[in-house]
PDB file of N, CA and C in Angstrom:
ATOM      1  N   MET A   1       9.784 -13.135  17.098  1.00  0.00           N
ATOM      2  CA  MET A   1       9.910 -12.928  15.661  1.00  0.00           C
ATOM      3  C   MET A   1       8.536 -12.656  15.045  1.00  0.00           C
ATOM      4  N   THR A   2       7.559 -13.504  15.362  1.00  0.00           N
ATOM      5  CA  THR A   2       6.210 -13.339  14.830  1.00  0.00           C
ATOM      6  C   THR A   2       5.591 -12.038  15.325  1.00  0.00           C
ATOM      7  N   LYS A   3       5.909 -11.698  16.573  1.00  0.00           N
ATOM      8  CA  LYS A   3       5.388 -10.464  17.154  1.00  0.00           C
ATOM      9  C   LYS A   3       5.887  -9.249  16.367  1.00  0.00           C
ATOM     10  N   GLY A   4       7.137  -9.260  15.955  1.00  0.00           N
ATOM     11  CA  GLY A   4       7.716  -8.162  15.178  1.00  0.00           C
ATOM     12  C   GLY A   4       7.064  -8.033  13.816  1.00  0.00           C
ATOM     13  N   ILE A   5       6.804  -9.152  13.172  1.00  0.00           N
ATOM     14  CA  ILE A   5       6.131  -9.126  11.868  1.00  0.00           C
ATOM     15  C   ILE A   5       4.723  -8.576  12.016  1.00  0.00           C
ATOM     16  N   PHE A   6       4.036  -9.017  13.052  1.00  0.00           N
ATOM     17  CA  PHE A   6       2.677  -8.534  13.298  1.00  0.00           C
ATOM     18  C   PHE A   6       2.667  -7.027  13.545  1.00  0.00           C
ATOM     19  N   HIS A   7       3.614  -6.534  14.344  1.00  0.00           N
ATOM     20  CA  HIS A   7       3.715  -5.091  14.597  1.00  0.00           C
ATOM     21  C   HIS A   7       4.013  -4.338  13.299  1.00  0.00           C
ATOM     22  N   GLY A   8       4.893  -4.908  12.475  1.00  0.00           N
ATOM     23  CA  GLY A   8       5.215  -4.282  11.190  1.00  0.00           C
ATOM     24  C   GLY A   8       3.989  -4.163  10.288  1.00  0.00           C
ATOM     25  N   LEU A   9       3.180  -5.209  10.247  1.00  0.00           N
ATOM     26  CA  LEU A   9       1.951  -5.167   9.448  1.00  0.00           C
ATOM     27  C   LEU A   9       0.963  -4.141   9.996  1.00  0.00           C
ATOM     28  N   LEU A  10       0.845  -4.074  11.305  1.00  0.00           N
ATOM     29  CA  LEU A  10      -0.057  -3.096  11.905  1.00  0.00           C
ATOM     30  C   LEU A  10       0.376  -1.671  11.600  1.00  0.00           C
ATOM     31  N   ILE A  11       1.664  -1.458  11.515  1.00  0.00           N
ATOM     32  CA  ILE A  11       2.191  -0.127  11.224  1.00  0.00           C
ATOM     33  C   ILE A  11       2.031   0.198   9.739  1.00  0.00           C
ATOM     34  N   ALA A  12       2.343  -0.753   8.874  1.00  0.00           N
ATOM     35  CA  ALA A  12       2.374  -0.498   7.430  1.00  0.00           C
ATOM     36  C   ALA A  12       0.987  -0.371   6.813  1.00  0.00           C
ATOM     37  N   THR A  13       0.012  -1.085   7.319  1.00  0.00           N
ATOM     38  CA  THR A  13      -1.318  -1.097   6.690  1.00  0.00           C
ATOM     39  C   THR A  13      -1.976   0.275   6.668  1.00  0.00           C
ATOM     40  N   PRO A  14      -2.066   1.015   7.771  1.00  0.00           N
ATOM     41  CA  PRO A  14      -2.706   2.329   7.700  1.00  0.00           C
ATOM     42  C   PRO A  14      -1.938   3.307   6.807  1.00  0.00           C
ATOM     43  N   LEU A  15      -0.625   3.223   6.835  1.00  0.00           N
ATOM     44  CA  LEU A  15       0.169   4.121   5.994  1.00  0.00           C
ATOM     45  C   LEU A  15      -0.019   3.796   4.517  1.00  0.00           C
ATOM     46  N   ALA A  16      -0.101   2.525   4.177  1.00  0.00           N
ATOM     47  CA  ALA A  16      -0.339   2.137   2.784  1.00  0.00           C
ATOM     48  C   ALA A  16      -1.718   2.607   2.332  1.00  0.00           C
ATOM     49  N   ALA A  17      -2.703   2.513   3.209  1.00  0.00           N
ATOM     50  CA  ALA A  17      -4.044   2.980   2.868  1.00  0.00           C
ATOM     51  C   ALA A  17      -4.047   4.485   2.621  1.00  0.00           C
ATOM     52  N   LEU A  18      -3.334   5.235   3.429  1.00  0.00           N
ATOM     53  CA  LEU A  18      -3.248   6.681   3.234  1.00  0.00           C
ATOM     54  C   LEU A  18      -2.574   7.035   1.912  1.00  0.00           C
ATOM     55  N   VAL A  19      -1.513   6.331   1.585  1.00  0.00           N
ATOM     56  CA  VAL A  19      -0.810   6.582   0.323  1.00  0.00           C
ATOM     57  C   VAL A  19      -1.732   6.281  -0.853  1.00  0.00           C
ATOM     58  N   LEU A  20      -2.449   5.175  -0.799  1.00  0.00           N
ATOM     59  CA  LEU A  20      -3.385   4.808  -1.869  1.00  0.00           C
ATOM     60  C   LEU A  20      -4.498   5.843  -1.995  1.00  0.00           C
ATOM     61  N   TYR A  21      -5.026   6.294  -0.865  1.00  0.00           N
ATOM     62  CA  TYR A  21      -6.097   7.287  -0.896  1.00  0.00           C
ATOM     63  C   TYR A  21      -5.630   8.590  -1.534  1.00  0.00           C
ATOM     64  N   PHE A  22      -4.451   9.071  -1.149  1.00  0.00           N
ATOM     65  CA  PHE A  22      -3.936  10.311  -1.725  1.00  0.00           C
ATOM     66  C   PHE A  22      -3.625  10.156  -3.212  1.00  0.00           C
ATOM     67  N   SER A  23      -3.199   8.974  -3.590  1.00  0.00           N
ATOM     68  CA  SER A  23      -2.932   8.725  -5.007  1.00  0.00           C
ATOM     69  C   SER A  23      -4.213   8.846  -5.827  1.00  0.00           C
ATOM     70  N   LEU A  24      -5.279   8.238  -5.363  1.00  0.00           N
ATOM     71  CA  LEU A  24      -6.559   8.304  -6.075  1.00  0.00           C
ATOM     72  C   LEU A  24      -7.150   9.708  -6.028  1.00  0.00           C
ATOM     73  N   ALA A  25      -7.003  10.385  -4.911  1.00  0.00           N
ATOM     74  CA  ALA A  25      -7.530  11.745  -4.792  1.00  0.00           C
ATOM     75  C   ALA A  25      -6.783  12.693  -5.724  1.00  0.00           C
ATOM     76  N   GLY A  26      -5.491  12.479  -5.898  1.00  0.00           N
ATOM     77  CA  GLY A  26      -4.706  13.309  -6.803  1.00  0.00           C
ATOM     78  C   GLY A  26      -5.175  13.184  -8.237  1.00  0.00           C
ATOM     79  N   LYS A  27      -5.595  11.995  -8.636  1.00  0.00           N
ATOM     80  CA  LYS A  27      -6.114  11.793  -9.990  1.00  0.00           C
ATOM     81  C   LYS A  27      -7.390  12.597 -10.203  1.00  0.00           C
ATOM     82  N   GLU A  28      -8.228  12.660  -9.189  1.00  0.00           N
ATOM     83  CA  GLU A  28      -9.474  13.438  -9.296  1.00  0.00           C
ATOM     84  C   GLU A  28      -9.157  14.918  -9.448  1.00  0.00           C
ATOM     85  N   GLU A  29      -8.150  15.390  -8.733  1.00  0.00           N
ATOM     86  CA  GLU A  29      -7.756  16.792  -8.833  1.00  0.00           C
ATOM     87  C   GLU A  29      -7.249  17.112 -10.241  1.00  0.00           C
ATOM     88  N   VAL A  30      -6.487  16.204 -10.820  1.00  0.00           N
ATOM     89  CA  VAL A  30      -5.977  16.401 -12.178  1.00  0.00           C
ATOM     90  C   VAL A  30      -7.133  16.446 -13.174  1.00  0.00           C
ATOM     91  N   LYS A  31      -8.113  15.569 -13.003  1.00  0.00           N
ATOM     92  CA  LYS A  31      -9.284  15.570 -13.896  1.00  0.00           C
ATOM     93  C   LYS A  31     -10.033  16.895 -13.820  1.00  0.00           C
ATOM     94  N   GLN A  32     -10.216  17.409 -12.621  1.00  0.00           N
ATOM     95  CA  GLN A  32     -10.933  18.671 -12.462  1.00  0.00           C
ATOM     96  C   GLN A  32     -10.151  19.833 -13.078  1.00  0.00           C
ATOM     97  N   GLU A  33      -8.843  19.812 -12.912  1.00  0.00           N
ATOM     98  CA  GLU A  33      -8.013  20.867 -13.498  1.00  0.00           C
ATOM     99  C   GLU A  33      -8.073  20.808 -15.023  1.00  0.00           C
ATOM    100  N   GLN A  34      -8.055  19.597 -15.581  1.00  0.00           N
ATOM    101  CA  GLN A  34      -8.175  19.455 -17.036  1.00  0.00           C
ATOM    102  C   GLN A  34      -9.531  19.949 -17.527  1.00  0.00           C
ATOM    103  N   HIS A  35     -10.574  19.622 -16.795  1.00  0.00           N
ATOM    104  CA  HIS A  35     -11.914  20.080 -17.174  1.00  0.00           C
ATOM    105  C   HIS A  35     -11.986  21.606 -17.158  1.00  0.00           C
ATOM    106  N   LEU A  36     -11.394  22.212 -16.151  1.00  0.00           N
ATOM    107  CA  LEU A  36     -11.377  23.672 -16.071  1.00  0.00           C
ATOM    108  C   LEU A  36     -10.628  24.265 -17.255  1.00  0.00           C
ATOM    109  N   GLN A  37      -9.475  23.713 -17.571  1.00  0.00           N
ATOM    110  CA  GLN A  37      -8.698  24.238 -18.691  1.00  0.00           C
ATOM    111  C   GLN A  37      -9.457  24.095 -20.007  1.00  0.00           C
ATOM    112  N   GLN A  38     -10.142  22.981 -20.191  1.00  0.00           N
ATOM    113  CA  GLN A  38     -10.932  22.773 -21.406  1.00  0.00           C
ATOM    114  C   GLN A  38     -12.082  23.767 -21.482  1.00  0.00           C
ATOM    115  N   ALA A  39     -12.726  24.019 -20.365  1.00  0.00           N
ATOM    116  CA  ALA A  39     -13.847  24.962 -20.346  1.00  0.00           C
ATOM    117  C   ALA A  39     -13.376  26.376 -20.668  1.00  0.00           C
ATOM    118  N   VAL A  40     -12.253  26.779 -20.080  1.00  0.00           N
ATOM    119  CA  VAL A  40     -11.706  28.111 -20.348  1.00  0.00           C
ATOM    120  C   VAL A  40     -11.292  28.221 -21.815  1.00  0.00           C
ATOM    121  N   GLN A  41     -10.679  27.177 -22.332  1.00  0.00           N
ATOM    122  CA  GLN A  41     -10.244  27.181 -23.729  1.00  0.00           C
ATOM    123  C   GLN A  41     -11.453  27.271 -24.671  1.00  0.00           C
ATOM    124  N   GLU A  42     -12.489  26.539 -24.375  1.00  0.00           N
ATOM    125  CA  GLU A  42     -13.701  26.579 -25.215  1.00  0.00           C
ATOM    126  C   GLU A  42     -14.344  27.962 -25.175  1.00  0.00           C
ATOM    127  N   LEU A  43     -14.378  28.584 -24.003  1.00  0.00           N
ATOM    128  CA  LEU A  43     -14.931  29.934 -23.876  1.00  0.00           C
ATOM    129  C   LEU A  43     -14.105  30.928 -24.694  1.00  0.00           C
ATOM    130  N   ASP A  44     -12.801  30.866 -24.558  1.00  0.00           N
ATOM    131  CA  ASP A  44     -11.934  31.769 -25.328  1.00  0.00           C
ATOM    132  C   ASP A  44     -12.079  31.544 -26.828  1.00  0.00           C
ATOM    133  N   LYS A  45     -12.176  30.298 -27.232  1.00  0.00           N
ATOM    134  CA  LYS A  45     -12.335  29.967 -28.653  1.00  0.00           C
ATOM    135  C   LYS A  45     -13.642  30.533 -29.194  1.00  0.00           C
ATOM    136  N   GLN A  46     -14.705  30.369 -28.423  1.00  0.00           N
ATOM    137  CA  GLN A  46     -16.016  30.870 -28.862  1.00  0.00           C
ATOM    138  C   GLN A  46     -15.999  32.388 -29.005  1.00  0.00           C
ATOM    139  N   LYS A  47     -15.412  33.075 -28.043  1.00  0.00           N
ATOM    140  CA  LYS A  47     -15.331  34.532 -28.124  1.00  0.00           C
ATOM    141  C   LYS A  47     -14.512  34.975 -29.334  1.00  0.00           C
ATOM    142  N   PHE A  48     -13.385  34.303 -29.554  1.00  0.00           N
ATOM    143  CA  PHE A  48     -12.549  34.650 -30.700  1.00  0.00           C
ATOM    144  C   PHE A  48     -13.295  34.405 -32.016  1.00  0.00           C
ATOM    145  N   ASP A  49     -13.945  33.252 -32.117  1.00  0.00           N
ATOM    146  CA  ASP A  49     -14.684  32.936 -33.347  1.00  0.00           C
ATOM    147  C   ASP A  49     -15.773  33.965 -33.621  1.00  0.00           C
ATOM    148  N   ASP A  50     -16.467  34.382 -32.579  1.00  0.00           N
ATOM    149  CA  ASP A  50     -17.532  35.377 -32.741  1.00  0.00           C
ATOM    150  C   ASP A  50     -16.961  36.706 -33.211  1.00  0.00           C
ATOM    151  N   GLU A  51     -15.896  37.150 -32.582  1.00  0.00           N
ATOM    152  CA  GLU A  51     -15.285  38.426 -32.970  1.00  0.00           C
ATOM    153  C   GLU A  51     -14.712  38.362 -34.383  1.00  0.00           C
ATOM    154  N   PHE A  52     -14.122  37.248 -34.744  1.00  0.00           N
ATOM    155  CA  PHE A  52     -13.545  37.093 -36.078  1.00  0.00           C
ATOM    156  C   PHE A  52     -14.639  37.102 -37.145  1.00  0.00           C
ATOM    157  N   ALA A  53     -15.725  36.379 -36.881  1.00  0.00           N
ATOM    158  CA  ALA A  53     -16.830  36.340 -37.841  1.00  0.00           C
ATOM    159  C   ALA A  53     -17.451  37.722 -38.003  1.00  0.00           C
ATOM    160  N   ASP A  54     -17.614  38.449 -36.901  1.00  0.00           N
ATOM    161  CA  ASP A  54     -18.195  39.795 -36.973  1.00  0.00           C
ATOM    162  C   ASP A  54     -17.290  40.758 -37.726  1.00  0.00           C
ATOM    163  N   ALA A  55     -15.989  40.562 -37.663  1.00  0.00           N
ATOM    164  CA  ALA A  55     -15.053  41.457 -38.338  1.00  0.00           C
ATOM    165  C   ALA A  55     -15.128  41.309 -39.859  1.00  0.00           C
ATOM    166  N   TRP A  56     -15.495  40.135 -40.326  1.00  0.00           N
ATOM    167  CA  TRP A  56     -15.507  39.890 -41.770  1.00  0.00           C
ATOM    168  C   TRP A  56     -16.857  40.127 -42.425  1.00  0.00           C
ATOM    169  N   LYS A  57     -17.899  39.906 -41.673  1.00  0.00           N
ATOM    170  CA  LYS A  57     -19.229  40.105 -42.257  1.00  0.00           C
ATOM    171  C   LYS A  57     -20.221  40.437 -41.152  1.00  0.00           C
ATOM    172  N   LYS A  58     -21.280  41.058 -41.554  1.00  0.00           N
ATOM    173  CA  LYS A  58     -22.321  41.407 -40.589  1.00  0.00           C
ATOM    174  C   LYS A  58     -23.121  40.147 -40.255  1.00  0.00           C
ATOM    175  N   PRO A  59     -23.283  39.870 -38.952  1.00  0.00           N
ATOM    176  CA  PRO A  59     -24.011  38.653 -38.574  1.00  0.00           C
ATOM    177  C   PRO A  59     -25.505  38.779 -38.891  1.00  0.00           C
ATOM    178  N   PRO A  60     -26.138  37.656 -39.208  1.00  0.00           N
ATOM    179  CA  PRO A  60     -27.582  37.690 -39.460  1.00  0.00           C
ATOM    180  C   PRO A  60     -28.354  38.021 -38.185  1.00  0.00           C
ATOM    181  N   PRO A  61     -29.583  38.512 -38.325  1.00  0.00           N
ATOM    182  CA  PRO A  61     -30.386  38.849 -37.135  1.00  0.00           C
ATOM    183  C   PRO A  61     -30.607  37.620 -36.244  1.00  0.00           C
ATOM    184  N   GLY A  62     -30.578  37.849 -34.960  1.00  0.00           N
ATOM    185  CA  GLY A  62     -30.800  36.772 -33.990  1.00  0.00           C
ATOM    186  C   GLY A  62     -29.535  36.037 -33.602  1.00  0.00           C
ATOM    187  N   THR A  63     -28.457  36.288 -34.308  1.00  0.00           N
ATOM    188  CA  THR A  63     -27.201  35.598 -34.014  1.00  0.00           C
ATOM    189  C   THR A  63     -26.612  36.062 -32.681  1.00  0.00           C
ATOM    190  N   ALA A  64     -26.743  37.330 -32.389  1.00  0.00           N
ATOM    191  CA  ALA A  64     -26.170  37.874 -31.150  1.00  0.00           C
ATOM    192  C   ALA A  64     -26.785  37.203 -29.921  1.00  0.00           C
ATOM    193  N   GLU A  65     -28.091  36.966 -29.953  1.00  0.00           N
ATOM    194  CA  GLU A  65     -28.736  36.321 -28.802  1.00  0.00           C
ATOM    195  C   GLU A  65     -28.239  34.897 -28.616  1.00  0.00           C
ATOM    196  N   LYS A  66     -28.075  34.176 -29.732  1.00  0.00           N
ATOM    197  CA  LYS A  66     -27.579  32.796 -29.653  1.00  0.00           C
ATOM    198  C   LYS A  66     -26.141  32.778 -29.126  1.00  0.00           C
ATOM    199  N   ARG A  67     -25.355  33.726 -29.627  1.00  0.00           N
ATOM    200  CA  ARG A  67     -23.962  33.793 -29.174  1.00  0.00           C
ATOM    201  C   ARG A  67     -23.883  34.124 -27.694  1.00  0.00           C
ATOM    202  N   ASN A  68     -24.687  35.094 -27.264  1.00  0.00           N
ATOM    203  CA  ASN A  68     -24.683  35.479 -25.847  1.00  0.00           C
ATOM    204  C   ASN A  68     -25.115  34.314 -24.965  1.00  0.00           C
ATOM    205  N   ALA A  69     -26.108  33.559 -25.419  1.00  0.00           N
ATOM    206  CA  ALA A  69     -26.559  32.400 -24.649  1.00  0.00           C
ATOM    207  C   ALA A  69     -25.442  31.356 -24.552  1.00  0.00           C
ATOM    208  N   ARG A  70     -24.752  31.134 -25.662  1.00  0.00           N
ATOM    209  CA  ARG A  70     -23.638  30.164 -25.673  1.00  0.00           C
ATOM    210  C   ARG A  70     -22.498  30.638 -24.770  1.00  0.00           C
ATOM    211  N   ILE A  71     -22.188  31.920 -24.835  1.00  0.00           N
ATOM    212  CA  ILE A  71     -21.122  32.484 -23.984  1.00  0.00           C
ATOM    213  C   ILE A  71     -21.494  32.344 -22.509  1.00  0.00           C
ATOM    214  N   LYS A  72     -22.748  32.644 -22.163  1.00  0.00           N
ATOM    215  CA  LYS A  72     -23.192  32.522 -20.764  1.00  0.00           C
ATOM    216  C   LYS A  72     -23.125  31.068 -20.297  1.00  0.00           C
ATOM    217  N   GLN A  73     -23.471  30.143 -21.183  1.00  0.00           N
ATOM    218  CA  GLN A  73     -23.406  28.722 -20.845  1.00  0.00           C
ATOM    219  C   GLN A  73     -21.953  28.313 -20.582  1.00  0.00           C
ATOM    220  N   LEU A  74     -21.044  28.763 -21.435  1.00  0.00           N
ATOM    221  CA  LEU A  74     -19.629  28.437 -21.255  1.00  0.00           C
ATOM    222  C   LEU A  74     -19.059  29.089 -19.995  1.00  0.00           C
ATOM    223  N   GLU A  75     -19.464  30.320 -19.710  1.00  0.00           N
ATOM    224  CA  GLU A  75     -19.012  30.987 -18.490  1.00  0.00           C
ATOM    225  C   GLU A  75     -19.512  30.256 -17.242  1.00  0.00           C
ATOM    226  N   ALA A  76     -20.744  29.758 -17.300  1.00  0.00           N
ATOM    227  CA  ALA A  76     -21.281  28.990 -16.171  1.00  0.00           C
ATOM    228  C   ALA A  76     -20.497  27.693 -15.977  1.00  0.00           C
ATOM    229  N   ASP A  77     -20.111  27.064 -17.089  1.00  0.00           N
ATOM    230  CA  ASP A  77     -19.313  25.840 -17.004  1.00  0.00           C
ATOM    231  C   ASP A  77     -17.954  26.128 -16.372  1.00  0.00           C
ATOM    232  N   VAL A  78     -17.345  27.234 -16.752  1.00  0.00           N
ATOM    233  CA  VAL A  78     -16.061  27.625 -16.165  1.00  0.00           C
ATOM    234  C   VAL A  78     -16.226  27.885 -14.666  1.00  0.00           C
ATOM    235  N   THR A  79     -17.288  28.556 -14.290  1.00  0.00           N
ATOM    236  CA  THR A  79     -17.542  28.850 -12.876  1.00  0.00           C
ATOM    237  C   THR A  79     -17.726  27.557 -12.074  1.00  0.00           C
ATOM    238  N   ARG A  80     -18.491  26.619 -12.620  1.00  0.00           N
ATOM    239  CA  ARG A  80     -18.686  25.328 -11.937  1.00  0.00           C
ATOM    240  C   ARG A  80     -17.375  24.574 -11.803  1.00  0.00           C
ATOM    241  N   ALA A  81     -16.573  24.577 -12.862  1.00  0.00           N
ATOM    242  CA  ALA A  81     -15.290  23.862 -12.815  1.00  0.00           C
ATOM    243  C   ALA A  81     -14.363  24.490 -11.772  1.00  0.00           C
ATOM    244  N   ARG A  82     -14.357  25.810 -11.696  1.00  0.00           N
ATOM    245  CA  ARG A  82     -13.518  26.483 -10.685  1.00  0.00           C
ATOM    246  C   ARG A  82     -14.000  26.149  -9.275  1.00  0.00           C
ATOM    247  N   ALA A  83     -15.311  26.108  -9.095  1.00  0.00           N
ATOM    248  CA  ALA A  83     -15.866  25.793  -7.774  1.00  0.00           C
ATOM    249  C   ALA A  83     -15.487  24.367  -7.364  1.00  0.00           C
ATOM    250  N   ARG A  84     -15.573  23.421  -8.300  1.00  0.00           N
ATOM    251  CA  ARG A  84     -15.179  22.041  -7.989  1.00  0.00           C
ATOM    252  C   ARG A  84     -13.693  21.960  -7.654  1.00  0.00           C
ATOM    253  N   ARG A  85     -12.870  22.663  -8.418  1.00  0.00           N
ATOM    254  CA  ARG A  85     -11.431  22.659  -8.157  1.00  0.00           C
ATOM    255  C   ARG A  85     -11.137  23.257  -6.793  1.00  0.00           C
ATOM    256  N   ASP A  86     -11.775  24.376  -6.472  1.00  0.00           N
ATOM    257  CA  ASP A  86     -11.553  25.014  -5.174  1.00  0.00           C
ATOM    258  C   ASP A  86     -12.021  24.108  -4.037  1.00  0.00           C
ATOM    259  N   GLY A  87     -13.133  23.409  -4.247  1.00  0.00           N
ATOM    260  CA  GLY A  87     -13.610  22.461  -3.239  1.00  0.00           C
ATOM    261  C   GLY A  87     -12.607  21.347  -3.006  1.00  0.00           C
ATOM    262  N   LEU A  88     -12.023  20.831  -4.090  1.00  0.00           N
ATOM    263  CA  LEU A  88     -11.000  19.794  -3.948  1.00  0.00           C
ATOM    264  C   LEU A  88      -9.767  20.341  -3.242  1.00  0.00           C
ATOM    265  N   ASP A  89      -9.396  21.576  -3.554  1.00  0.00           N
ATOM    266  CA  ASP A  89      -8.239  22.184  -2.890  1.00  0.00           C
ATOM    267  C   ASP A  89      -8.460  22.255  -1.379  1.00  0.00           C
ATOM    268  N   GLN A  90      -9.645  22.669  -0.977  1.00  0.00           N
ATOM    269  CA  GLN A  90      -9.946  22.750   0.455  1.00  0.00           C
ATOM    270  C   GLN A  90      -9.941  21.362   1.088  1.00  0.00           C
ATOM    271  N   GLU A  91     -10.505  20.399   0.367  1.00  0.00           N
ATOM    272  CA  GLU A  91     -10.533  19.031   0.886  1.00  0.00           C
ATOM    273  C   GLU A  91      -9.115  18.486   1.047  1.00  0.00           C
ATOM    274  N   PHE A  92      -8.258  18.739   0.060  1.00  0.00           N
ATOM    275  CA  PHE A  92      -6.885  18.255   0.138  1.00  0.00           C
ATOM    276  C   PHE A  92      -6.109  18.957   1.240  1.00  0.00           C
ATOM    277  N   ASP A  93      -6.388  20.236   1.459  1.00  0.00           N
ATOM    278  CA  ASP A  93      -5.729  20.934   2.566  1.00  0.00           C
ATOM    279  C   ASP A  93      -6.088  20.282   3.891  1.00  0.00           C
ATOM    280  N   GLY A  94      -7.356  19.944   4.049  1.00  0.00           N
ATOM    281  CA  GLY A  94      -7.789  19.265   5.266  1.00  0.00           C
ATOM    282  C   GLY A  94      -7.169  17.886   5.399  1.00  0.00           C
ATOM    283  N   MET A  95      -7.108  17.159   4.281  1.00  0.00           N
ATOM    284  CA  MET A  95      -6.502  15.830   4.319  1.00  0.00           C
ATOM    285  C   MET A  95      -5.012  15.919   4.619  1.00  0.00           C
ATOM    286  N   ARG A  96      -4.350  16.912   4.060  1.00  0.00           N
ATOM    287  CA  ARG A  96      -2.910  17.082   4.293  1.00  0.00           C
ATOM    288  C   ARG A  96      -2.658  17.342   5.777  1.00  0.00           C
ATOM    289  N   ALA A  97      -3.476  18.198   6.377  1.00  0.00           N
ATOM    290  CA  ALA A  97      -3.321  18.475   7.808  1.00  0.00           C
ATOM    291  C   ALA A  97      -3.576  17.208   8.623  1.00  0.00           C
ATOM    292  N   GLY A  98      -4.600  16.462   8.238  1.00  0.00           N
ATOM    293  CA  GLY A  98      -4.894  15.199   8.919  1.00  0.00           C
ATOM    294  C   GLY A  98      -3.770  14.195   8.759  1.00  0.00           C
ATOM    295  N   MET A  99      -3.187  14.172   7.560  1.00  0.00           N
ATOM    296  CA  MET A  99      -2.074  13.252   7.292  1.00  0.00           C
ATOM    297  C   MET A  99      -0.873  13.613   8.164  1.00  0.00           C
ATOM    298  N   LYS A 100      -0.579  14.912   8.278  1.00  0.00           N
ATOM    299  CA  LYS A 100       0.543  15.332   9.123  1.00  0.00           C
ATOM    300  C   LYS A 100       0.307  14.913  10.571  1.00  0.00           C
ATOM    301  N   GLN A 101      -0.922  15.101  11.046  1.00  0.00           N
ATOM    302  CA  GLN A 101      -1.242  14.729  12.417  1.00  0.00           C
ATOM    303  C   GLN A 101      -1.150  13.218  12.600  1.00  0.00           C
ATOM    304  N   THR A 102      -1.625  12.468  11.628  1.00  0.00           N
ATOM    305  CA  THR A 102      -1.561  11.007  11.700  1.00  0.00           C
ATOM    306  C   THR A 102      -0.121  10.527  11.727  1.00  0.00           C
ATOM    307  N   LEU A 103       0.704  11.113  10.870  1.00  0.00           N
ATOM    308  CA  LEU A 103       2.117  10.734  10.858  1.00  0.00           C
ATOM    309  C   LEU A 103       2.801  11.086  12.171  1.00  0.00           C
ATOM    310  N   HIS A 104       2.447  12.236  12.735  1.00  0.00           N
ATOM    311  CA  HIS A 104       3.013  12.623  14.039  1.00  0.00           C
ATOM    312  C   HIS A 104       2.579  11.624  15.110  1.00  0.00           C
ATOM    313  N   ASP A 105       1.282  11.296  15.129  1.00  0.00           N
ATOM    314  CA  ASP A 105       0.776  10.343  16.113  1.00  0.00           C
ATOM    315  C   ASP A 105       1.436   8.978  15.946  1.00  0.00           C
ATOM    316  N   GLU A 106       1.616   8.561  14.690  1.00  0.00           N
ATOM    317  CA  GLU A 106       2.244   7.273  14.412  1.00  0.00           C
ATOM    318  C   GLU A 106       3.706   7.289  14.844  1.00  0.00           C
ATOM    319  N   ASP A 107       4.367   8.412  14.650  1.00  0.00           N
ATOM    320  CA  ASP A 107       5.757   8.552  15.064  1.00  0.00           C
ATOM    321  C   ASP A 107       5.876   8.436  16.585  1.00  0.00           C
ATOM    322  N   VAL A 108       4.976   9.089  17.288  1.00  0.00           N
ATOM    323  CA  VAL A 108       4.971   9.011  18.754  1.00  0.00           C
ATOM    324  C   VAL A 108       4.699   7.576  19.203  1.00  0.00           C
ATOM    325  N   ARG A 109       3.724   6.939  18.554  1.00  0.00           N
ATOM    326  CA  ARG A 109       3.374   5.565  18.920  1.00  0.00           C
ATOM    327  C   ARG A 109       4.544   4.619  18.662  1.00  0.00           C
ATOM    328  N   LEU A 110       5.201   4.795  17.520  1.00  0.00           N
ATOM    329  CA  LEU A 110       6.359   3.932  17.223  1.00  0.00           C
ATOM    330  C   LEU A 110       7.493   4.166  18.210  1.00  0.00           C
ATOM    331  N   GLY A 111       7.666   5.411  18.632  1.00  0.00           N
ATOM    332  CA  GLY A 111       8.679   5.700  19.654  1.00  0.00           C
ATOM    333  C   GLY A 111       8.359   4.983  20.950  1.00  0.00           C
ATOM    334  N   ASN A 112       7.081   4.973  21.316  1.00  0.00           N
ATOM    335  CA  ASN A 112       6.667   4.268  22.532  1.00  0.00           C
ATOM    336  C   ASN A 112       6.865   2.767  22.402  1.00  0.00           C
ATOM    337  N   VAL A 113       6.539   2.222  21.211  1.00  0.00           N
ATOM    338  CA  VAL A 113       6.723   0.780  20.981  1.00  0.00           C
ATOM    339  C   VAL A 113       8.205   0.432  21.051  1.00  0.00           C
ATOM    340  N   ALA A 114       9.031   1.260  20.440  1.00  0.00           N
ATOM    341  CA  ALA A 114      10.476   1.010  20.461  1.00  0.00           C
ATOM    342  C   ALA A 114      11.009   1.087  21.888  1.00  0.00           C
ATOM    343  N   ALA A 115      10.547   2.083  22.636  1.00  0.00           N
ATOM    344  CA  ALA A 115      11.014   2.230  24.024  1.00  0.00           C
ATOM    345  C   ALA A 115      10.596   1.030  24.861  1.00  0.00           C
ATOM    346  N   SER A 116       9.358   0.562  24.692  1.00  0.00           N
ATOM    347  CA  SER A 116       8.905  -0.594  25.474  1.00  0.00           C
ATOM    348  C   SER A 116       9.613  -1.865  25.027  1.00  0.00           C
ATOM    349  N   SER A 117       9.959  -1.968  23.749  1.00  0.00           N
ATOM    350  CA  SER A 117      10.701  -3.135  23.263  1.00  0.00           C
ATOM    351  C   SER A 117      12.100  -3.165  23.856  1.00  0.00           C
ATOM    352  N   VAL A 118      12.732  -2.001  23.932  1.00  0.00           N
ATOM    353  CA  VAL A 118      14.068  -1.918  24.527  1.00  0.00           C
ATOM    354  C   VAL A 118      14.001  -2.277  25.998  1.00  0.00           C
ATOM    355  N   LYS A 119      12.974  -1.786  26.684  1.00  0.00           N
ATOM    356  CA  LYS A 119      12.814  -2.083  28.122  1.00  0.00           C
ATOM    357  C   LYS A 119      12.623  -3.574  28.345  1.00  0.00           C
ATOM    358  N   SER A 120      11.745  -4.191  27.525  1.00  0.00           N
ATOM    359  CA  SER A 120      11.476  -5.615  27.723  1.00  0.00           C
ATOM    360  C   SER A 120      12.690  -6.450  27.323  1.00  0.00           C
ATOM    361  N   ALA A 121      13.477  -6.004  26.384  1.00  0.00           N
ATOM    362  CA  ALA A 121      14.676  -6.744  25.982  1.00  0.00           C
ATOM    363  C   ALA A 121      15.726  -6.711  27.077  1.00  0.00           C
ATOM    364  N   ARG A 122      15.790  -5.657  27.840  1.00  0.00           N
ATOM    365  CA  ARG A 122      16.775  -5.535  28.914  1.00  0.00           C
ATOM    366  C   ARG A 122      16.470  -6.459  30.093  1.00  0.00           C
ATOM    367  N   PHE A 123      15.181  -6.711  30.316  1.00  0.00           N
ATOM    368  CA  PHE A 123      14.791  -7.506  31.474  1.00  0.00           C
ATOM    369  C   PHE A 123      14.659  -8.977  31.147  1.00  0.00           C
ATOM    370  N   ASP A 124      14.688  -9.346  29.868  1.00  0.00           N
ATOM    371  CA  ASP A 124      14.549 -10.770  29.512  1.00  0.00           C
ATOM    372  C   ASP A 124      15.824 -11.532  29.629  1.00  0.00           C
TER     373      ASP A 124
END
């Protein structure tokens, strides 16, 4: 009886750790996606505001350089956010493949444990 409980704990602990890890990693992916969306939205808003202001009145001298600098800064932020998101995507793809392999290995191991348990039960 105690042996079965011990085997159950040995089986459940690594799987619980994997589930917890993927749960926390998923939150990071959501944060990065939100950051990207905010950066894209801010860039679009800035471009729209600039075009709208120019349509109604002539901008003062030097405004174009400030606007271009702000637009370039926002574009760089969008590029960084996309790079972080893509990096997380690659990391999750690798983790997913590792998880599939781990589950396969665990399935094989559990099959072996079950087979040996059946064998030992027959001879006892």
